[in-house]
Amino acid sequence: MEFLVRAENRMPPDHPVEHRGELRRTERARAEELRAAGVLQRLWRVPGRTGWIGLFAAQDATALHDALASLPMWPWLDLVVEPLATHPQER
């Protein structure tokens, strides 16, 4: 099943800078693991914002939730998830 995920990072601006850098590194590493596993299909940044849009593939919504919750930035992410269905013209 495919899901379109829109995320906005809501980390407080006063969060320690050194911790932000470490979180970015571990987030990048986890995203690479999800890519290698076939869960993260595509990823786009949103210019001018702290957000991103991703195309994810997961067995079901629970598996997607588990993948997203494994992201180090999870506590600060404001997410909108849209399950996708194949359009009849794509068959």
Protein backbone atom coordinates (compact mmCIF):
# COMPACT_ATOMS: atom_id res chain seq x y z
CA MET A 1 0.00 0.00 0.00
CA GLU A 2 1.27 3.49 -0.78
CA PHE A 3 0.93 6.59 1.37
CA LEU A 4 1.63 10.26 0.70
CA VAL A 5 3.04 11.80 3.87
CA ARG A 6 3.34 15.55 4.42
CA ALA A 7 5.45 16.55 7.40
CA GLU A 8 6.27 19.81 9.10
CA ASN A 9 9.00 19.94 11.74
CA ARG A 10 7.72 21.70 14.87
CA MET A 11 10.92 21.50 16.92
CA PRO A 12 11.07 24.52 19.23
CA PRO A 13 13.48 27.20 17.98
CA ASP A 14 15.27 27.22 21.34
CA HIS A 15 16.18 23.52 21.07
CA PRO A 16 19.98 23.17 21.59
CA VAL A 17 21.89 23.59 18.31
CA GLU A 18 24.26 20.67 18.98
CA HIS A 19 21.30 18.33 19.53
CA ARG A 20 19.68 19.53 16.28
CA GLY A 21 22.80 18.55 14.33
CA GLU A 22 22.86 15.08 15.86
CA LEU A 23 19.15 14.62 15.15
CA ARG A 24 19.66 15.62 11.50
CA ARG A 25 22.47 13.06 11.13
CA THR A 26 20.48 10.24 12.72
CA GLU A 27 17.35 11.22 10.76
CA ARG A 28 19.31 11.02 7.49
CA ALA A 29 20.70 7.60 8.46
CA ARG A 30 17.24 6.27 9.37
CA ALA A 31 15.79 7.60 6.10
CA GLU A 32 18.50 5.68 4.21
CA GLU A 33 17.54 2.51 6.09
CA LEU A 34 13.89 3.01 5.18
CA ARG A 35 14.90 3.57 1.54
CA ALA A 36 16.97 0.39 1.52
CA ALA A 37 14.00 -1.52 2.97
CA GLY A 38 11.72 -0.16 0.22
CA VAL A 39 9.53 1.76 2.66
CA LEU A 40 10.61 5.27 1.67
CA GLN A 41 10.06 5.52 -2.06
CA ARG A 42 10.54 9.25 -2.77
CA LEU A 43 11.26 12.32 -0.69
CA TRP A 44 10.87 16.01 -1.51
CA ARG A 45 11.68 19.07 0.56
CA VAL A 46 9.29 22.00 0.68
CA PRO A 47 11.22 25.17 -0.24
CA GLY A 48 10.99 27.93 2.35
CA ARG A 49 9.60 25.60 5.03
CA THR A 50 10.84 23.03 7.50
CA GLY A 51 8.70 20.40 5.85
CA TRP A 52 8.96 17.51 3.48
CA ILE A 53 6.68 15.29 1.41
CA GLY A 54 7.35 11.59 1.11
CA LEU A 55 5.96 8.64 -0.79
CA PHE A 56 6.00 5.57 1.44
CA ALA A 57 5.12 1.92 0.80
CA ALA A 58 4.01 -0.19 3.74
CA GLN A 59 1.94 -3.32 4.38
CA ASP A 60 -0.73 -1.26 6.14
CA ALA A 61 -1.28 1.90 8.18
CA THR A 62 0.17 0.28 11.31
CA ALA A 63 3.42 -0.59 9.50
CA LEU A 64 3.61 2.98 8.18
CA HIS A 65 3.04 4.35 11.68
CA ASP A 66 5.86 2.17 13.01
CA ALA A 67 8.22 3.39 10.24
CA LEU A 68 7.38 7.05 10.87
CA ALA A 69 7.66 6.62 14.65
CA SER A 70 11.18 5.25 14.13
CA LEU A 71 12.35 8.63 12.79
CA PRO A 72 14.45 10.53 15.34
CA MET A 73 12.48 13.74 14.62
CA TRP A 74 9.18 11.92 15.30
CA PRO A 75 8.38 13.84 18.54
CA TRP A 76 8.36 17.14 16.62
CA LEU A 77 6.74 16.09 13.34
CA ASP A 78 3.27 17.32 12.46
CA LEU A 79 2.12 14.73 9.90
CA VAL A 80 -0.70 14.42 7.40
CA VAL A 81 -0.99 10.96 5.85
CA GLU A 82 -3.01 10.18 2.75
CA PRO A 83 -3.48 6.52 1.74
CA LEU A 84 -3.27 6.18 -2.02
CA ALA A 85 -5.28 3.89 -4.28
CA THR A 86 -4.54 3.01 -7.89
CA HIS A 87 -6.52 5.06 -10.37
CA PRO A 88 -8.53 3.00 -12.89
CA GLN A 89 -6.57 4.62 -15.75
CA GLU A 90 -3.31 3.19 -14.30
CA ARG A 91 -4.29 -0.48 -14.56
